[in-house]
Amino acid sequence: FQDGRVLLAIVVAAWPGSQIDLASTSQENSAEEVLELALSISQTRWHVPQLLSPSLVTQGADPACVLLYLALLAHRLPLPPPRPLVADPIILLATSAEEGSREKETTA
């Protein structure tokens, strides 16, 4: 978390249209710059207050402060699309085929 890559990965995953390349951003910038980017995006896009200082995080911020920030971020991030209530027929077929093969093994 101290190098900013985890927080930036969360931000990028929650913002599908972003043009941020995680690998190059992490390699080309310092940990403080990566954290500043992730924190500023979270603040402008989802109105998460910037409770953490990038310099303090890189030095080892208090875990309670980090958890508080992550809880606020999680509360503000968009929810993932709902999963369908109807089961996927392919998964059902694969599951029933596995159960059938197990039954044959136990009777043999």
N, C-alpha and C. Protein backbone atom coordinates (compact mmCIF):
# COMPACT_ATOMS: atom_id res chain seq x y z
N PHE A 1 0.83 -1.19 0.00
CA PHE A 1 0.00 0.00 0.00
C PHE A 1 0.87 1.24 0.00
N GLN A 2 2.04 1.17 0.61
CA GLN A 2 2.89 2.34 0.75
C GLN A 2 3.40 2.91 -0.58
N ASP A 3 3.46 2.07 -1.61
CA ASP A 3 3.96 2.58 -2.90
C ASP A 3 2.84 3.12 -3.78
N GLY A 4 1.59 3.01 -3.33
CA GLY A 4 0.47 3.60 -4.05
C GLY A 4 -0.16 2.72 -5.11
N ARG A 5 0.50 1.62 -5.46
CA ARG A 5 -0.01 0.78 -6.55
C ARG A 5 -1.34 0.12 -6.22
N VAL A 6 -1.51 -0.30 -4.97
CA VAL A 6 -2.77 -0.96 -4.59
C VAL A 6 -3.93 0.03 -4.67
N LEU A 7 -3.73 1.21 -4.12
CA LEU A 7 -4.79 2.21 -4.15
C LEU A 7 -5.11 2.63 -5.59
N LEU A 8 -4.09 2.81 -6.40
CA LEU A 8 -4.33 3.17 -7.79
C LEU A 8 -5.04 2.04 -8.54
N ALA A 9 -4.71 0.80 -8.23
CA ALA A 9 -5.39 -0.34 -8.87
C ALA A 9 -6.87 -0.36 -8.49
N ILE A 10 -7.20 -0.05 -7.25
CA ILE A 10 -8.60 0.03 -6.83
C ILE A 10 -9.32 1.12 -7.61
N VAL A 11 -8.69 2.27 -7.72
CA VAL A 11 -9.29 3.40 -8.43
C VAL A 11 -9.52 3.07 -9.90
N VAL A 12 -8.53 2.49 -10.53
CA VAL A 12 -8.64 2.15 -11.95
C VAL A 12 -9.72 1.08 -12.16
N ALA A 13 -9.78 0.10 -11.27
CA ALA A 13 -10.79 -0.96 -11.40
C ALA A 13 -12.20 -0.40 -11.24
N ALA A 14 -12.36 0.61 -10.41
CA ALA A 14 -13.68 1.21 -10.19
C ALA A 14 -14.04 2.22 -11.27
N TRP A 15 -13.09 2.59 -12.10
CA TRP A 15 -13.32 3.58 -13.16
C TRP A 15 -12.95 2.96 -14.49
N PRO A 16 -13.88 2.19 -15.07
CA PRO A 16 -13.57 1.43 -16.29
C PRO A 16 -13.12 2.29 -17.47
N GLY A 17 -13.56 3.52 -17.56
CA GLY A 17 -13.19 4.35 -18.70
C GLY A 17 -11.88 5.09 -18.55
N SER A 18 -11.18 4.84 -17.46
CA SER A 18 -9.93 5.58 -17.23
C SER A 18 -8.87 5.15 -18.24
N GLN A 19 -8.00 6.06 -18.53
CA GLN A 19 -6.91 5.79 -19.48
C GLN A 19 -5.59 5.61 -18.75
N ILE A 20 -5.64 5.23 -17.48
CA ILE A 20 -4.44 5.11 -16.67
C ILE A 20 -3.84 3.72 -16.87
N ASP A 21 -2.58 3.69 -17.22
CA ASP A 21 -1.84 2.43 -17.36
C ASP A 21 -1.10 2.19 -16.05
N LEU A 22 -1.55 1.19 -15.30
CA LEU A 22 -0.98 0.93 -13.98
C LEU A 22 0.52 0.68 -14.02
N ALA A 23 0.94 -0.14 -14.95
CA ALA A 23 2.36 -0.53 -15.00
C ALA A 23 3.25 0.67 -15.28
N SER A 24 2.93 1.44 -16.31
CA SER A 24 3.80 2.57 -16.65
C SER A 24 3.72 3.68 -15.61
N THR A 25 2.53 3.90 -15.05
CA THR A 25 2.39 4.94 -14.03
C THR A 25 3.22 4.60 -12.81
N SER A 26 3.21 3.34 -12.41
CA SER A 26 3.97 2.92 -11.24
C SER A 26 5.48 2.97 -11.49
N GLN A 27 5.90 2.66 -12.71
CA GLN A 27 7.33 2.64 -13.02
C GLN A 27 7.90 4.04 -13.24
N GLU A 28 7.09 4.92 -13.81
CA GLU A 28 7.59 6.24 -14.20
C GLU A 28 7.44 7.30 -13.12
N ASN A 29 6.75 6.99 -12.02
CA ASN A 29 6.51 7.98 -10.98
C ASN A 29 6.95 7.45 -9.63
N SER A 30 7.20 8.38 -8.72
CA SER A 30 7.56 7.99 -7.36
C SER A 30 6.32 7.49 -6.63
N ALA A 31 6.53 6.85 -5.51
CA ALA A 31 5.42 6.34 -4.71
C ALA A 31 4.49 7.48 -4.29
N GLU A 32 5.08 8.61 -3.90
CA GLU A 32 4.25 9.76 -3.50
C GLU A 32 3.42 10.28 -4.66
N GLU A 33 3.97 10.29 -5.86
CA GLU A 33 3.22 10.76 -7.04
C GLU A 33 2.08 9.81 -7.38
N VAL A 34 2.32 8.51 -7.26
CA VAL A 34 1.28 7.52 -7.53
C VAL A 34 0.15 7.67 -6.51
N LEU A 35 0.52 7.81 -5.23
CA LEU A 35 -0.49 8.02 -4.19
C LEU A 35 -1.26 9.31 -4.41
N GLU A 36 -0.56 10.37 -4.76
CA GLU A 36 -1.23 11.65 -5.01
C GLU A 36 -2.23 11.53 -6.15
N LEU A 37 -1.87 10.82 -7.20
CA LEU A 37 -2.78 10.60 -8.33
C LEU A 37 -4.02 9.84 -7.88
N ALA A 38 -3.83 8.74 -7.16
CA ALA A 38 -4.96 7.92 -6.71
C ALA A 38 -5.86 8.72 -5.75
N LEU A 39 -5.26 9.44 -4.84
CA LEU A 39 -6.04 10.23 -3.87
C LEU A 39 -6.80 11.36 -4.55
N SER A 40 -6.15 12.03 -5.49
CA SER A 40 -6.83 13.14 -6.16
C SER A 40 -7.96 12.66 -7.06
N ILE A 41 -7.79 11.53 -7.73
CA ILE A 41 -8.88 10.98 -8.54
C ILE A 41 -10.05 10.61 -7.64
N SER A 42 -9.75 9.96 -6.52
CA SER A 42 -10.82 9.58 -5.59
C SER A 42 -11.57 10.80 -5.07
N GLN A 43 -10.83 11.87 -4.83
CA GLN A 43 -11.47 13.08 -4.32
C GLN A 43 -12.32 13.77 -5.38
N THR A 44 -11.81 13.88 -6.60
CA THR A 44 -12.57 14.60 -7.63
C THR A 44 -13.69 13.74 -8.23
N ARG A 45 -13.45 12.47 -8.40
CA ARG A 45 -14.44 11.62 -9.06
C ARG A 45 -15.53 11.12 -8.11
N TRP A 46 -15.15 10.74 -6.88
CA TRP A 46 -16.13 10.15 -5.96
C TRP A 46 -16.30 10.96 -4.67
N HIS A 47 -15.67 12.13 -4.60
CA HIS A 47 -15.81 13.05 -3.45
C HIS A 47 -15.37 12.41 -2.14
N VAL A 48 -14.30 11.62 -2.20
CA VAL A 48 -13.73 11.02 -0.99
C VAL A 48 -12.73 12.02 -0.44
N PRO A 49 -12.92 12.48 0.80
CA PRO A 49 -11.97 13.45 1.35
C PRO A 49 -10.56 12.86 1.44
N GLN A 50 -9.59 13.69 1.12
CA GLN A 50 -8.20 13.24 1.11
C GLN A 50 -7.66 13.29 2.54
N LEU A 51 -7.96 12.24 3.30
CA LEU A 51 -7.56 12.15 4.70
C LEU A 51 -6.11 11.73 4.87
N LEU A 52 -5.54 11.17 3.82
CA LEU A 52 -4.17 10.68 3.89
C LEU A 52 -3.23 11.60 3.15
N SER A 53 -2.05 11.74 3.67
CA SER A 53 -0.99 12.48 3.00
C SER A 53 -0.07 11.48 2.32
N PRO A 54 0.23 11.68 1.03
CA PRO A 54 1.11 10.73 0.35
C PRO A 54 2.45 10.53 1.06
N SER A 55 3.01 11.59 1.59
CA SER A 55 4.31 11.45 2.27
C SER A 55 4.18 10.63 3.54
N LEU A 56 3.09 10.78 4.28
CA LEU A 56 2.89 9.99 5.49
C LEU A 56 2.63 8.51 5.16
N VAL A 57 1.91 8.26 4.08
CA VAL A 57 1.62 6.88 3.70
C VAL A 57 2.90 6.16 3.31
N THR A 58 3.77 6.82 2.56
CA THR A 58 5.02 6.18 2.14
C THR A 58 5.94 5.92 3.33
N GLN A 59 5.77 6.69 4.39
CA GLN A 59 6.59 6.47 5.60
C GLN A 59 5.96 5.46 6.54
N GLY A 60 4.74 5.02 6.24
CA GLY A 60 4.06 4.04 7.09
C GLY A 60 2.97 4.69 7.92
N ALA A 61 1.87 5.00 7.30
CA ALA A 61 0.76 5.65 7.99
C ALA A 61 0.13 4.71 9.01
N ASP A 62 -0.57 5.29 9.96
CA ASP A 62 -1.30 4.53 10.97
C ASP A 62 -2.32 3.64 10.27
N PRO A 63 -2.31 2.33 10.51
CA PRO A 63 -3.25 1.42 9.84
C PRO A 63 -4.71 1.81 10.05
N ALA A 64 -5.05 2.40 11.19
CA ALA A 64 -6.43 2.82 11.43
C ALA A 64 -6.83 3.92 10.45
N CYS A 65 -5.91 4.82 10.15
CA CYS A 65 -6.19 5.89 9.19
C CYS A 65 -6.38 5.33 7.78
N VAL A 66 -5.55 4.38 7.43
CA VAL A 66 -5.65 3.74 6.11
C VAL A 66 -6.98 3.01 5.99
N LEU A 67 -7.36 2.27 7.02
CA LEU A 67 -8.64 1.55 7.00
C LEU A 67 -9.82 2.50 6.93
N LEU A 68 -9.75 3.61 7.64
CA LEU A 68 -10.82 4.61 7.58
C LEU A 68 -10.95 5.15 6.16
N TYR A 69 -9.83 5.47 5.54
CA TYR A 69 -9.87 5.98 4.17
C TYR A 69 -10.45 4.94 3.22
N LEU A 70 -10.01 3.70 3.35
CA LEU A 70 -10.51 2.64 2.46
C LEU A 70 -12.01 2.40 2.67
N ALA A 71 -12.48 2.53 3.91
CA ALA A 71 -13.91 2.38 4.18
C ALA A 71 -14.70 3.50 3.51
N LEU A 72 -14.19 4.72 3.60
CA LEU A 72 -14.86 5.85 2.92
C LEU A 72 -14.86 5.66 1.41
N LEU A 73 -13.74 5.21 0.88
CA LEU A 73 -13.64 4.98 -0.56
C LEU A 73 -14.61 3.89 -0.99
N ALA A 74 -14.67 2.79 -0.25
CA ALA A 74 -15.58 1.69 -0.59
C ALA A 74 -17.03 2.15 -0.55
N HIS A 75 -17.35 3.03 0.38
CA HIS A 75 -18.72 3.54 0.49
C HIS A 75 -19.10 4.40 -0.71
N ARG A 76 -18.12 5.09 -1.28
CA ARG A 76 -18.39 6.00 -2.39
C ARG A 76 -18.26 5.38 -3.78
N LEU A 77 -17.55 4.28 -3.87
CA LEU A 77 -17.34 3.67 -5.19
C LEU A 77 -18.65 3.12 -5.73
N PRO A 78 -18.80 3.15 -7.05
CA PRO A 78 -20.02 2.58 -7.63
C PRO A 78 -20.10 1.09 -7.39
N LEU A 79 -21.30 0.62 -7.21
CA LEU A 79 -21.51 -0.81 -7.01
C LEU A 79 -21.29 -1.54 -8.32
N PRO A 80 -20.79 -2.76 -8.25
CA PRO A 80 -20.64 -3.53 -9.49
C PRO A 80 -22.02 -3.87 -10.04
N PRO A 81 -22.11 -4.16 -11.33
CA PRO A 81 -23.42 -4.50 -11.89
C PRO A 81 -23.97 -5.74 -11.21
N PRO A 82 -25.28 -5.79 -11.03
CA PRO A 82 -25.86 -6.96 -10.36
C PRO A 82 -25.67 -8.22 -11.19
N ARG A 83 -25.51 -9.31 -10.51
CA ARG A 83 -25.38 -10.60 -11.18
C ARG A 83 -26.79 -11.09 -11.51
N PRO A 84 -26.94 -11.82 -12.59
CA PRO A 84 -28.27 -12.32 -12.95
C PRO A 84 -28.78 -13.31 -11.89
N LEU A 85 -30.08 -13.28 -11.67
CA LEU A 85 -30.68 -14.19 -10.70
C LEU A 85 -30.78 -15.60 -11.25
N VAL A 86 -30.84 -15.71 -12.57
CA VAL A 86 -30.93 -17.03 -13.21
C VAL A 86 -29.52 -17.58 -13.35
N ALA A 87 -29.35 -18.82 -12.99
CA ALA A 87 -28.03 -19.44 -13.07
C ALA A 87 -27.59 -19.59 -14.52
N ASP A 88 -26.32 -19.52 -14.73
CA ASP A 88 -25.74 -19.68 -16.06
C ASP A 88 -25.86 -21.15 -16.47
N PRO A 89 -26.51 -21.44 -17.62
CA PRO A 89 -26.71 -22.83 -18.03
C PRO A 89 -25.41 -23.60 -18.23
N ILE A 90 -24.35 -22.94 -18.65
CA ILE A 90 -23.07 -23.63 -18.87
C ILE A 90 -22.51 -24.12 -17.54
N ILE A 91 -22.60 -23.29 -16.51
CA ILE A 91 -22.12 -23.69 -15.19
C ILE A 91 -22.97 -24.84 -14.67
N LEU A 92 -24.28 -24.76 -14.87
CA LEU A 92 -25.16 -25.84 -14.42
C LEU A 92 -24.81 -27.16 -15.10
N LEU A 93 -24.55 -27.11 -16.40
CA LEU A 93 -24.20 -28.32 -17.13
C LEU A 93 -22.88 -28.90 -16.63
N ALA A 94 -21.90 -28.04 -16.41
CA ALA A 94 -20.60 -28.52 -15.93
C ALA A 94 -20.73 -29.13 -14.54
N THR A 95 -21.52 -28.50 -13.69
CA THR A 95 -21.71 -29.01 -12.33
C THR A 95 -22.41 -30.35 -12.34
N SER A 96 -23.46 -30.47 -13.16
CA SER A 96 -24.19 -31.74 -13.19
C SER A 96 -23.33 -32.85 -13.81
N ALA A 97 -22.47 -32.53 -14.75
CA ALA A 97 -21.59 -33.53 -15.34
C ALA A 97 -20.57 -34.01 -14.31
N GLU A 98 -20.04 -33.10 -13.49
CA GLU A 98 -19.10 -33.49 -12.44
C GLU A 98 -19.77 -34.38 -11.41
N GLU A 99 -20.98 -34.04 -11.03
CA GLU A 99 -21.71 -34.85 -10.04
C GLU A 99 -21.99 -36.24 -10.59
N GLY A 100 -22.33 -36.33 -11.87
CA GLY A 100 -22.59 -37.62 -12.49
C GLY A 100 -21.36 -38.50 -12.52
N SER A 101 -20.21 -37.91 -12.79
CA SER A 101 -18.98 -38.70 -12.82
C SER A 101 -18.58 -39.15 -11.41
N ARG A 102 -18.85 -38.34 -10.39
CA ARG A 102 -18.57 -38.74 -9.02
C ARG A 102 -19.44 -39.90 -8.58
N GLU A 103 -20.72 -39.89 -9.01
CA GLU A 103 -21.63 -40.97 -8.66
C GLU A 103 -21.16 -42.29 -9.28
N LYS A 104 -20.67 -42.24 -10.51
CA LYS A 104 -20.19 -43.44 -11.18
C LYS A 104 -18.96 -44.00 -10.46
N GLU A 105 -18.09 -43.09 -9.96
CA GLU A 105 -16.88 -43.53 -9.26
C GLU A 105 -17.23 -44.21 -7.94
N THR A 106 -18.23 -43.71 -7.25
CA THR A 106 -18.57 -44.28 -5.95
C THR A 106 -19.29 -45.62 -6.08
N THR A 107 -20.02 -45.83 -7.17
CA THR A 107 -20.73 -47.11 -7.36
C THR A 107 -19.81 -48.19 -7.93
N ALA A 108 -18.70 -47.79 -8.50
CA ALA A 108 -17.80 -48.77 -9.14
C ALA A 108 -16.89 -49.46 -8.17
